[in-house]
Protein backbone atom coordinates (compact mmCIF):
# COMPACT_ATOMS: atom_id res chain seq x y z
CA MET A 1 -121.72 -20.77 39.00
CA THR A 2 -120.18 -20.72 35.52
CA ASP A 3 -122.22 -21.64 32.48
CA SER A 4 -122.91 -20.59 28.91
CA TRP A 5 -124.98 -17.40 28.73
CA VAL A 6 -125.09 -15.51 25.46
CA ASN A 7 -127.39 -12.56 24.76
CA SER A 8 -126.10 -10.07 22.25
CA ALA A 9 -129.26 -7.94 22.24
CA GLU A 10 -129.46 -4.67 24.14
CA ILE A 11 -131.33 -5.20 27.42
CA LEU A 12 -133.19 -2.53 29.37
CA GLY A 13 -132.84 -3.11 33.08
CA SER A 14 -134.64 -0.44 35.12
CA ASP A 15 -133.99 1.99 32.24
CA LEU A 16 -130.32 1.04 32.32
CA PRO A 17 -129.17 -0.04 28.80
CA LEU A 18 -126.61 -2.81 29.01
CA GLU A 19 -125.17 -5.15 26.39
CA LEU A 20 -124.55 -8.53 27.98
CA SER A 21 -122.75 -10.91 25.64
CA GLY A 22 -120.26 -13.68 26.03
CA THR A 23 -119.85 -17.00 27.74
CA GLY A 24 -118.85 -17.35 31.37
CA ASN A 25 -119.53 -16.14 34.87
CA ARG A 26 -122.64 -13.92 35.03
CA ARG A 27 -121.21 -11.53 37.57
CA ALA A 28 -118.13 -10.99 35.38
CA LEU A 29 -120.33 -10.36 32.31
CA LEU A 30 -122.36 -7.78 34.20
CA MET A 31 -119.22 -6.04 35.47
CA ASP A 32 -117.77 -5.90 31.94
CA ALA A 33 -121.00 -4.37 30.64
CA LEU A 34 -121.05 -1.71 33.38
CA ARG A 35 -117.38 -0.83 32.82
CA GLU A 36 -117.99 -0.45 29.09
CA ALA A 37 -121.04 1.76 29.72
CA VAL A 38 -118.91 4.07 31.87
CA ARG A 39 -115.96 4.05 29.43
CA SER A 40 -118.16 4.87 26.45
CA GLY A 41 -119.91 7.74 28.23
CA ARG A 42 -123.36 6.13 28.24
CA LEU A 43 -123.17 6.29 32.05
CA ALA A 44 -121.91 9.77 32.94
CA PRO A 45 -120.14 10.56 36.23
CA GLY A 46 -122.70 10.96 39.01
CA THR A 47 -125.37 8.85 37.28
CA ARG A 48 -127.41 6.94 39.82
CA LEU A 49 -127.73 3.23 39.12
CA PRO A 50 -130.91 1.28 39.80
CA PRO A 51 -131.13 -0.65 43.09
CA TYR A 52 -129.53 -4.04 42.75
CA ARG A 53 -132.83 -5.78 43.47
CA SER A 54 -134.52 -4.01 40.54
CA LEU A 55 -131.65 -4.65 38.14
CA ALA A 56 -131.48 -8.29 39.18
CA ALA A 57 -135.19 -8.75 38.51
CA ASP A 58 -135.05 -7.07 35.10
CA LEU A 59 -131.99 -9.02 33.95
CA GLY A 60 -133.05 -12.34 35.40
CA LEU A 61 -130.03 -12.53 37.71
CA ALA A 62 -129.68 -13.49 41.33
CA ARG A 63 -129.73 -10.52 43.71
CA ASN A 64 -126.37 -11.50 45.18
CA THR A 65 -124.86 -11.55 41.69
CA VAL A 66 -125.77 -7.91 41.06
CA ALA A 67 -124.90 -6.85 44.61
CA ASP A 68 -121.46 -8.47 44.36
CA ALA A 69 -120.85 -6.82 40.98
CA TYR A 70 -121.74 -3.40 42.41
CA ALA A 71 -119.48 -3.96 45.44
CA GLU A 72 -116.49 -5.02 43.34
CA LEU A 73 -116.85 -2.07 40.97
CA VAL A 74 -117.01 0.25 43.99
CA ALA A 75 -113.76 -1.29 45.24
CA GLU A 76 -112.19 -0.79 41.81
CA GLY A 77 -113.23 2.87 41.71
CA TRP A 78 -115.74 2.68 38.87
CA LEU A 79 -118.74 3.26 41.17
CA ALA A 80 -119.33 5.06 44.45
CA ALA A 81 -121.80 4.05 47.15
CA ARG A 82 -123.06 6.28 49.97
CA GLN A 83 -125.57 5.53 52.69
CA GLY A 84 -128.96 6.92 51.72
CA SER A 85 -127.99 7.98 48.17
CA GLY A 86 -127.60 4.61 46.46
CA THR A 87 -124.88 3.59 44.00
CA ARG A 88 -123.61 6.09 41.44
CA VAL A 89 -120.94 6.31 38.78
CA ALA A 90 -117.80 7.67 40.43
CA GLU A 91 -117.05 11.32 39.63
CA ARG A 92 -113.44 10.57 38.71
CA ALA A 93 -114.44 7.98 36.12
CA ALA A 94 -114.32 10.38 33.18
CA PRO A 95 -116.28 9.29 30.10
CA VAL A 96 -114.39 8.24 27.02
CA THR A 97 -115.56 9.33 23.58
CA PRO A 98 -117.00 6.22 21.97
CA VAL A 99 -115.37 5.00 18.80
CA HIS A 100 -117.86 4.16 16.04
CA ARG A 101 -116.68 1.35 13.80
CA PRO A 102 -118.41 0.06 10.70
CA ARG A 103 -120.40 -3.07 11.39
CA THR A 104 -118.88 -6.24 9.95
CA PRO A 105 -121.15 -8.96 8.61
CA GLU A 106 -121.87 -11.39 11.44
CA ARG A 107 -120.73 -14.49 9.60
CA ALA A 108 -117.34 -12.92 8.86
CA VAL A 109 -116.82 -12.16 12.57
CA ARG A 110 -118.18 -15.33 14.13
CA PRO A 111 -117.74 -18.30 11.80
CA VAL A 112 -120.10 -21.17 12.42
CA HIS A 113 -117.61 -23.80 11.24
CA ASP A 114 -113.86 -23.98 11.92
CA LEU A 115 -111.49 -25.75 9.54
CA VAL A 116 -108.42 -23.71 10.46
CA GLN A 117 -105.44 -26.00 10.98
CA GLY A 118 -103.44 -26.37 14.14
CA GLN A 119 -105.67 -27.47 16.99
CA PRO A 120 -107.30 -30.76 17.97
CA ASP A 121 -110.90 -30.87 19.10
CA PRO A 122 -110.71 -29.77 22.77
CA SER A 123 -113.67 -31.98 23.67
CA VAL A 124 -111.56 -35.13 23.24
CA PHE A 125 -109.00 -34.22 25.88
CA PRO A 126 -108.58 -37.35 28.08
CA ARG A 127 -109.90 -35.80 31.28
CA THR A 128 -110.35 -39.02 33.25
CA ALA A 129 -106.92 -40.47 32.42
CA TRP A 130 -105.24 -37.09 32.97
CA LEU A 131 -106.88 -36.72 36.38
CA ALA A 132 -105.73 -40.21 37.37
CA SER A 133 -102.16 -39.34 36.38
CA ALA A 134 -102.36 -36.06 38.27
CA ARG A 135 -103.43 -37.82 41.46
CA ARG A 136 -100.64 -40.39 41.22
CA ALA A 137 -98.04 -37.76 40.31
CA LEU A 138 -98.95 -35.45 43.18
CA ALA A 139 -99.02 -38.28 45.66
CA ALA A 140 -95.52 -39.39 44.65
CA ALA A 141 -94.02 -35.95 44.06
CA PRO A 142 -90.88 -35.10 46.04
CA ASP A 143 -90.88 -31.95 48.16
CA ASP A 144 -88.53 -30.13 45.80
CA ALA A 145 -91.22 -30.28 43.07
CA PHE A 146 -92.98 -27.45 44.92
CA GLY A 147 -89.90 -25.21 45.11
CA PRO A 148 -88.46 -22.76 42.54
CA GLY A 149 -87.62 -25.59 40.15
CA ASP A 150 -84.85 -26.46 37.71
CA PRO A 151 -84.68 -24.55 34.39
CA HIS A 152 -83.97 -27.88 32.68
CA GLY A 153 -87.49 -29.00 33.68
CA ARG A 154 -88.58 -31.79 35.97
CA PRO A 155 -86.25 -34.82 35.74
CA GLU A 156 -89.22 -37.20 35.85
CA LEU A 157 -90.61 -35.81 32.60
CA ARG A 158 -87.21 -35.62 30.91
CA ARG A 159 -86.64 -39.31 31.67
CA ALA A 160 -90.08 -40.25 30.39
CA LEU A 161 -89.59 -38.23 27.20
CA ALA A 162 -86.15 -39.70 26.53
CA GLY A 163 -87.62 -43.20 26.55
CA TYR A 164 -90.73 -42.30 24.58
CA LEU A 165 -88.94 -40.32 21.85
CA ALA A 166 -86.33 -43.06 21.41
CA ARG A 167 -89.04 -45.70 21.04
CA VAL A 168 -91.48 -43.79 18.83
CA ARG A 169 -89.43 -41.19 16.94
CA GLY A 170 -85.97 -42.79 16.80
CA VAL A 171 -84.43 -39.96 18.82
CA ARG A 172 -80.99 -40.51 20.37
CA ALA A 173 -80.77 -38.56 23.60
CA SER A 174 -80.27 -38.94 27.32
CA PRO A 175 -82.48 -36.97 29.74
CA ASP A 176 -79.72 -34.45 30.42
CA ARG A 177 -79.95 -33.25 26.78
CA ILE A 178 -83.67 -32.49 27.03
CA VAL A 179 -84.74 -29.00 28.11
CA LEU A 180 -88.42 -28.43 28.76
CA CYS A 181 -90.16 -25.29 27.57
CA SER A 182 -93.69 -23.96 27.18
CA GLY A 183 -94.07 -25.04 23.56
CA ALA A 184 -92.38 -24.89 20.17
CA ALA A 185 -92.51 -21.09 20.05
CA HIS A 186 -90.72 -20.80 23.40
CA GLY A 187 -88.06 -23.23 22.16
CA LEU A 188 -87.49 -21.19 18.99
CA ARG A 189 -87.11 -18.01 21.04
CA LEU A 190 -84.41 -19.63 23.14
CA LEU A 191 -82.59 -21.00 20.08
CA ALA A 192 -82.74 -17.62 18.35
CA GLU A 193 -81.09 -15.99 21.37
CA VAL A 194 -78.37 -18.64 21.60
CA VAL A 195 -77.64 -19.41 17.94
CA GLY A 196 -78.17 -16.03 16.29
CA GLY A 197 -78.87 -15.59 12.58
CA PRO A 198 -79.47 -15.66 9.74
CA TRP A 199 -81.50 -18.84 9.35
CA ALA A 200 -82.90 -20.58 6.31
CA ALA A 201 -86.53 -21.71 6.41
CA GLU A 202 -88.93 -23.55 4.16
CA ALA A 203 -90.71 -21.25 1.72
CA TYR A 204 -94.01 -22.49 3.11
CA GLY A 205 -94.30 -22.46 6.90
CA LEU A 206 -95.88 -20.77 9.90
CA PRO A 207 -95.63 -16.96 9.57
CA PHE A 208 -95.73 -16.79 13.37
CA HIS A 209 -92.44 -18.67 13.60
CA ARG A 210 -90.74 -16.41 11.06
CA GLU A 211 -92.03 -13.30 12.81
CA LEU A 212 -90.93 -14.66 16.18
CA LEU A 213 -87.39 -15.16 14.88
CA ALA A 214 -87.42 -11.71 13.28
CA SER A 215 -88.45 -10.15 16.60
CA HIS A 216 -85.21 -11.59 18.04
CA GLY A 217 -83.09 -10.18 15.22
CA VAL A 218 -82.89 -13.46 13.28
CA GLY A 219 -83.67 -13.09 9.59
CA THR A 220 -84.95 -16.03 7.57
CA ARG A 221 -84.10 -16.84 3.96
CA PRO A 222 -86.61 -19.03 2.10
CA LEU A 223 -85.75 -22.44 0.67
CA GLY A 224 -87.79 -23.79 -2.20
CA VAL A 225 -90.29 -26.56 -1.46
CA ASP A 226 -91.35 -29.29 -3.88
CA ALA A 227 -92.81 -32.79 -3.72
CA ASP A 228 -89.69 -34.05 -1.90
CA GLY A 229 -89.76 -31.38 0.77
CA ALA A 230 -87.36 -28.49 1.29
CA ARG A 231 -84.68 -27.78 -1.33
CA VAL A 232 -81.79 -28.12 1.10
CA ASP A 233 -79.32 -27.78 -1.77
CA GLY A 234 -79.95 -24.03 -1.41
CA LEU A 235 -78.24 -23.88 2.00
CA THR A 236 -75.04 -21.82 2.27
CA ARG A 237 -72.21 -21.39 4.76
CA ARG A 238 -73.72 -18.07 5.77
CA ASP A 239 -76.80 -19.79 7.25
CA ARG A 240 -76.40 -20.37 10.97
CA ALA A 241 -79.37 -22.73 11.12
CA VAL A 242 -82.21 -24.12 9.04
CA LEU A 243 -85.78 -24.60 10.28
CA LEU A 244 -87.42 -27.70 8.78
CA THR A 245 -90.54 -29.87 9.19
CA PRO A 246 -89.05 -33.13 7.85
CA ALA A 247 -91.70 -35.63 8.97
CA HIS A 248 -94.58 -33.76 7.30
CA GLN A 249 -93.75 -30.51 5.53
CA PHE A 250 -95.95 -27.76 6.89
CA PRO A 251 -98.35 -27.02 5.33
CA THR A 252 -97.87 -28.59 1.87
CA GLY A 253 -97.43 -32.17 3.18
CA GLY A 254 -95.01 -34.95 2.46
CA PRO A 255 -91.81 -36.06 4.25
CA LEU A 256 -88.33 -34.82 3.44
CA HIS A 257 -86.74 -37.16 0.89
CA PRO A 258 -84.10 -39.52 2.38
CA ALA A 259 -81.37 -38.08 0.16
CA ARG A 260 -82.21 -34.58 1.38
CA ARG A 261 -82.25 -35.72 5.00
CA ALA A 262 -78.68 -36.98 4.54
CA ALA A 263 -77.71 -33.84 2.63
CA VAL A 264 -78.90 -31.43 5.32
CA VAL A 265 -76.95 -33.35 7.97
CA ASP A 266 -73.85 -33.22 5.74
CA TRP A 267 -74.33 -29.45 5.38
CA ALA A 268 -74.52 -29.05 9.17
CA ARG A 269 -71.36 -31.09 9.71
CA ALA A 270 -69.41 -29.25 7.03
CA THR A 271 -70.40 -25.74 8.06
CA GLY A 272 -71.05 -26.05 11.80
CA GLY A 273 -74.67 -25.09 11.13
CA LEU A 274 -77.68 -26.32 13.07
CA VAL A 275 -80.73 -28.20 11.84
CA VAL A 276 -83.83 -27.23 13.84
CA GLU A 277 -86.38 -30.02 13.38
CA ASP A 278 -89.96 -28.98 14.17
CA ASP A 279 -91.58 -32.34 14.96
CA TYR A 280 -95.05 -30.82 15.22
CA ASP A 281 -97.11 -33.86 14.18
CA GLY A 282 -94.63 -36.67 13.60
CA GLU A 283 -96.78 -39.20 15.47
CA PHE A 284 -99.77 -38.83 13.16
CA ARG A 285 -99.03 -40.82 10.03
CA TYR A 286 -101.89 -42.90 8.64
CA ASP A 287 -100.85 -45.09 5.73
CA ARG A 288 -97.60 -46.51 7.07
CA GLN A 289 -95.28 -46.21 10.08
CA PRO A 290 -94.25 -42.66 11.06
CA VAL A 291 -91.03 -41.34 9.57
CA GLY A 292 -88.23 -41.24 12.15
CA ALA A 293 -86.70 -37.98 13.29
CA VAL A 294 -83.71 -36.49 11.46
CA GLN A 295 -82.17 -35.99 14.91
CA GLY A 296 -81.35 -39.70 15.00
CA LEU A 297 -78.89 -39.22 12.12
CA ASP A 298 -76.69 -36.77 14.04
CA PRO A 299 -77.66 -35.68 17.58
CA GLU A 300 -74.75 -33.19 17.69
CA HIS A 301 -76.01 -31.12 14.75
CA VAL A 302 -79.80 -31.43 15.01
CA VAL A 303 -82.22 -29.95 17.56
CA LEU A 304 -85.60 -31.66 17.79
CA VAL A 305 -88.42 -29.39 18.98
CA GLY A 306 -91.74 -30.93 20.03
CA SER A 307 -94.79 -30.36 22.20
CA VAL A 308 -98.13 -31.86 23.24
CA SER A 309 -100.20 -29.17 21.49
CA LYS A 310 -101.38 -31.57 18.74
CA SER A 311 -101.49 -34.83 20.69
CA LEU A 312 -103.14 -33.51 23.88
CA SER A 313 -103.85 -29.78 24.07
CA PRO A 314 -102.05 -26.45 23.48
CA ALA A 315 -103.48 -25.31 26.83
CA LEU A 316 -100.96 -27.48 28.71
CA ARG A 317 -98.07 -25.28 27.50
CA ILE A 318 -95.52 -28.10 27.61
CA GLY A 319 -92.84 -28.58 24.98
CA TRP A 320 -89.28 -29.82 24.76
CA MET A 321 -85.99 -29.45 22.95
CA VAL A 322 -83.57 -32.34 22.42
CA LEU A 323 -80.26 -30.50 22.15
CA PRO A 324 -76.68 -31.17 21.10
CA GLN A 325 -74.52 -31.34 24.21
CA ARG A 326 -72.79 -28.04 23.42
CA LEU A 327 -76.09 -26.12 23.45
CA VAL A 328 -77.58 -27.42 26.70
CA ALA A 329 -75.80 -24.99 29.03
CA PRO A 330 -76.31 -21.88 26.83
CA VAL A 331 -80.02 -22.64 26.35
CA VAL A 332 -80.55 -23.21 30.08
CA ALA A 333 -78.71 -19.98 30.84
CA SER A 334 -80.87 -18.10 28.32
CA LYS A 335 -83.98 -19.61 29.84
CA GLY A 336 -83.11 -18.28 33.29
CA GLU A 337 -82.96 -19.61 36.80
CA ARG A 338 -86.72 -19.70 37.29
CA GLU A 339 -89.23 -21.34 34.94
CA PRO A 340 -92.21 -19.01 34.58
CA PHE A 341 -94.06 -20.94 31.89
CA SER A 342 -94.62 -24.68 32.48
CA SER A 343 -96.22 -25.82 35.72
CA ALA A 344 -94.14 -28.38 37.64
CA THR A 345 -97.30 -30.27 38.61
CA GLU A 346 -98.36 -30.58 34.97
CA GLN A 347 -94.86 -31.75 34.04
CA LEU A 348 -95.15 -34.45 36.71
CA THR A 349 -98.61 -35.37 35.46
CA LEU A 350 -97.38 -35.70 31.87
CA ALA A 351 -94.49 -37.88 33.04
CA ASP A 352 -96.94 -40.28 34.70
CA PHE A 353 -99.25 -40.06 31.67
CA ILE A 354 -96.40 -41.26 29.45
CA GLU A 355 -95.03 -43.89 31.82
CA SER A 356 -98.48 -45.40 32.45
CA GLY A 357 -99.11 -45.92 28.74
CA ALA A 358 -102.00 -43.45 28.67
CA TYR A 359 -100.14 -41.18 26.23
CA ASP A 360 -99.68 -44.02 23.73
CA ARG A 361 -103.36 -44.88 24.01
CA GLN A 362 -104.36 -41.26 23.44
CA VAL A 363 -102.11 -40.96 20.37
CA ARG A 364 -103.57 -44.17 18.90
CA ARG A 365 -107.09 -42.91 19.60
CA MET A 366 -106.39 -39.56 17.95
CA ARG A 367 -104.63 -41.20 15.00
CA GLN A 368 -107.73 -43.28 14.28
CA ARG A 369 -109.98 -40.25 14.67
CA HIS A 370 -107.89 -38.06 12.38
CA ARG A 371 -107.60 -40.79 9.75
CA ARG A 372 -111.41 -41.12 9.74
CA ARG A 373 -111.75 -37.34 9.41
CA ARG A 374 -109.24 -37.31 6.54
CA ASP A 375 -111.15 -40.06 4.74
CA GLN A 376 -114.41 -38.14 5.15
CA LEU A 377 -112.78 -35.04 3.66
CA VAL A 378 -111.40 -36.93 0.67
CA ALA A 379 -114.71 -38.70 0.05
CA ALA A 380 -116.72 -35.46 0.22
CA LEU A 381 -114.43 -33.69 -2.22
CA HIS A 382 -114.38 -36.68 -4.59
CA ALA A 383 -118.18 -36.72 -4.65
CA ARG A 384 -118.88 -32.99 -4.85
CA ALA A 385 -115.72 -31.39 -6.24
CA PRO A 386 -113.85 -34.02 -8.24
CA HIS A 387 -112.03 -31.31 -10.18
CA VAL A 388 -109.90 -30.34 -7.14
CA ARG A 389 -106.84 -32.25 -5.93
CA VAL A 390 -106.18 -33.02 -2.26
CA THR A 391 -102.54 -33.34 -1.14
CA GLY A 392 -100.62 -33.78 2.10
CA ILE A 393 -103.07 -36.39 3.37
CA ALA A 394 -100.62 -39.13 4.42
CA ALA A 395 -100.09 -37.55 7.83
CA GLY A 396 -100.96 -34.68 10.12
CA LEU A 397 -104.12 -32.81 11.09
CA HIS A 398 -104.71 -30.94 7.84
CA ALA A 399 -104.74 -31.31 4.07
CA VAL A 400 -104.22 -28.96 1.14
CA VAL A 401 -107.04 -28.56 -1.37
CA GLU A 402 -105.37 -27.35 -4.57
CA LEU A 403 -107.37 -24.79 -6.56
CA PRO A 404 -107.24 -23.40 -10.10
CA PRO A 405 -104.81 -20.46 -10.45
CA GLY A 406 -106.21 -17.16 -9.27
CA THR A 407 -109.13 -18.59 -7.26
CA GLU A 408 -107.69 -18.84 -3.74
CA ARG A 409 -108.76 -15.44 -2.41
CA SER A 410 -112.26 -15.76 -3.84
CA ALA A 411 -112.58 -19.24 -2.28
CA VAL A 412 -111.57 -17.88 1.14
CA ARG A 413 -114.14 -15.08 0.80
CA ALA A 414 -116.80 -17.56 -0.30
CA ALA A 415 -116.00 -19.71 2.74
CA ALA A 416 -116.43 -16.71 5.03
CA TRP A 417 -119.90 -16.10 3.61
CA GLN A 418 -120.69 -19.75 4.20
CA GLY A 419 -119.78 -19.25 7.86
CA LEU A 420 -116.58 -21.26 7.45
CA ALA A 421 -113.16 -20.32 8.82
CA VAL A 422 -110.41 -21.67 6.55
CA GLU A 423 -107.07 -20.28 5.37
CA GLY A 424 -105.45 -19.98 1.99
CA LEU A 425 -102.13 -21.62 1.18
CA GLY A 426 -100.75 -18.17 0.37
CA ASP A 427 -101.11 -17.19 4.03
CA TYR A 428 -98.13 -19.46 4.76
CA LEU A 429 -95.80 -18.37 1.96
CA HIS A 430 -92.57 -16.67 3.01
CA PRO A 431 -92.71 -12.98 1.99
CA GLY A 432 -89.30 -13.36 0.31
CA ALA A 433 -90.37 -16.38 -1.72
CA GLU A 434 -92.71 -14.70 -4.20
CA HIS A 435 -91.93 -15.32 -7.84
CA ALA A 436 -90.44 -12.30 -9.52
CA SER A 437 -93.39 -12.06 -11.91
CA ARG A 438 -95.94 -11.74 -9.09
CA ALA A 439 -96.73 -8.80 -6.86
CA PRO A 440 -96.01 -9.50 -3.18
CA ARG A 441 -98.97 -10.91 -1.27
CA ALA A 442 -99.98 -9.62 2.15
CA SER A 443 -101.68 -12.27 4.22
CA ARG A 444 -103.29 -11.60 7.58
CA ALA A 445 -100.34 -13.14 9.40
CA HIS A 446 -97.81 -11.28 7.23
CA ARG A 447 -99.48 -7.93 7.85
CA ALA A 448 -99.34 -8.47 11.61
CA GLY A 449 -95.55 -8.33 11.60
CA ALA A 450 -94.79 -6.99 8.16
CA ALA A 451 -92.28 -4.33 9.12
CA GLY A 452 -90.03 -6.52 11.26
CA ASN A 453 -90.28 -9.46 8.90
CA ALA A 454 -89.43 -7.40 5.83
CA ASP A 455 -86.33 -6.04 7.54
CA ALA A 456 -85.35 -9.55 8.55
CA VAL A 457 -85.74 -10.83 4.99
CA ARG A 458 -83.53 -8.06 3.63
CA ALA A 459 -80.92 -8.82 6.29
CA ALA A 460 -80.98 -12.52 5.46
CA GLY A 461 -80.29 -12.03 1.77
CA PRO A 462 -82.09 -12.68 -1.52
CA ALA A 463 -84.53 -15.49 -2.14
CA ASP A 464 -83.49 -18.72 -3.84
CA ALA A 465 -83.77 -18.28 -7.62
CA SER A 466 -85.20 -21.79 -7.95
CA LEU A 467 -88.37 -20.94 -6.03
CA VAL A 468 -91.61 -21.72 -7.83
CA PRO A 469 -94.64 -19.40 -8.00
CA HIS A 470 -97.31 -19.60 -5.34
CA ARG A 471 -99.82 -22.43 -5.76
CA ASP A 472 -103.45 -21.58 -5.08
CA GLY A 473 -105.07 -23.75 -2.44
CA LEU A 474 -106.84 -24.00 0.90
CA VAL A 475 -105.25 -25.40 4.05
CA VAL A 476 -108.05 -27.44 5.60
CA GLY A 477 -107.70 -28.47 9.23
CA TYR A 478 -109.91 -31.45 9.91
CA ALA A 479 -109.14 -32.00 13.61
CA THR A 480 -110.89 -29.09 15.32
CA PRO A 481 -114.67 -29.55 14.74
CA THR A 482 -116.71 -31.82 16.95
CA GLU A 483 -118.08 -35.05 15.48
CA SER A 484 -121.54 -33.53 15.03
CA ALA A 485 -120.24 -30.32 13.42
CA TYR A 486 -117.75 -31.90 11.02
CA PRO A 487 -120.22 -32.99 8.27
CA GLU A 488 -121.72 -29.49 8.13
CA ALA A 489 -118.23 -27.97 7.96
CA LEU A 490 -117.40 -30.21 4.99
CA ASP A 491 -120.65 -29.20 3.33
CA ALA A 492 -119.75 -25.51 3.74
CA LEU A 493 -116.28 -26.20 2.33
CA CYS A 494 -117.67 -27.90 -0.78
CA ARG A 495 -120.06 -24.98 -1.37
CA SER A 496 -117.13 -22.56 -1.18
CA LEU A 497 -114.97 -24.17 -3.87
CA PRO A 498 -114.81 -22.72 -7.38
CA PRO A 499 -116.66 -24.70 -10.04
CA ALA A 500 -114.84 -26.86 -12.54
CA ALA A 501 -113.54 -25.01 -15.57
CA PRO A 502 -115.52 -25.80 -18.74
CA LEU A 503 -113.86 -28.18 -21.17
CA ALA A 504 -112.10 -26.42 -24.02
CA THR A 505 -113.89 -27.01 -27.36
CA PRO A 506 -113.03 -25.70 -30.82
CA PRO A 507 -115.00 -22.50 -31.51
CA ALA A 508 -117.85 -22.90 -33.99
CA ALA A 509 -117.72 -20.88 -37.19
CA THR A 510 -119.89 -17.78 -36.87
CA PRO A 511 -120.63 -14.92 -39.24
CA ALA A 512 -118.54 -11.80 -38.71
CA SER A 513 -121.68 -9.90 -37.74
CA ALA A 514 -122.70 -12.35 -35.01
CA PRO A 515 -123.03 -10.76 -31.58
CA PRO A 516 -120.49 -11.73 -28.91
CA PRO A 517 -121.55 -14.41 -26.40
CA PRO A 518 -123.09 -13.17 -23.14
CA PRO A 519 -120.70 -12.77 -20.19
CA ALA A 520 -120.34 -15.71 -17.82
CA ALA A 521 -122.41 -15.61 -14.67
CA PRO A 522 -120.41 -14.43 -11.66
């Protein structure tokens, strides 16, 4: 039986100190605790363990749960059991010197509220409709669906996507130009291998994508971003491709201006370059109809990359690429003869989910939910922090709360102490896009792949001279919390924001001997 069982205190079971913490199967939690006790040296080789009945009684577990845990650890070699001598720590399980780490404040480790962008609330996954589609899909599935599979992906899903993307996103493609993958990241890996580098990329974007390209030897050169989207006039003939988020620039918000959409297609035609369009949330526009895909302007020079991670769940691991004809065969060859990522049965289920109209209903439902969340965010900030500006709210699953210069890092720290997980806008800035007058920043994501990314930036060339300095702000994802948790998350956000700057007033005349004013309160 699997349920939620969390106890982070140290428990004494028959004089056996164990730390049982986590959520999941109780037998697995007990096994993890015993392994850790042996690894850390708290249970030395030869130590006799208490009888499973005694340990079960002290820990409040079923006897069979403890007995099964003992038996499995014996099979793994952690424990040894002999008739008449009980269960002991195996002699060959040498203790490992424990590593003592400084304790981190609890609220910094386990935030109570989550406003990090990028993931919908998992509780709203359409379980009933998905199960109905799965039953229909499996009942109608041909026998070859359970074989090795086609690296293109299941034809049923490619046909369903071709119709859906043409109707909703203005994409021009036949099913044979669609290659299924396990998500946007998988698609970028394949394109990096086939296209090569260097690429241009928006100055603000996902560090993970830049680091992924760098790990495949593809450097990225930043393009400036302003209110009209990416500064595509900075593209050169040396760029093999450009990575854009035209429908809703990530994370600053706003669609790519129509003139720039035409200009980037003209650049691709003139140079033979490739436009890689990350259509990560193109379906979620709230104040007017969604902006169509750039791919519709020129299918032979634009690749559209999409997935169901925002509309359904990232756990499904299903994405797609709509490719120019010339790239289909190379991408399929790079992908390999066997598809190890996306389940054929889930592909069939998604095909039925789209064809039955359930996908459209889910998108409409989520669009209404996200719009309501956005409105709540804007209203809360207007009431409690009217001095901040909220941008990027016309679409997507997140907004940017602009902050006074120099306050972003302190706001992120304040949020952590409020039990709130939220990220600064600087975490998404390209490491080559810093203004010359500023010292380079090192965000969490940048530090994770700093060496490879820095080499890639140098290989790609210098940054665009027109780039503007970093703007302080918070990237607030409003899709993840549950309905009950969202108001409290907004309250924690408002408490984390810096206060309004005092209005400037002419200084009053004071005698030369007057003492200086007291320092401002921190």
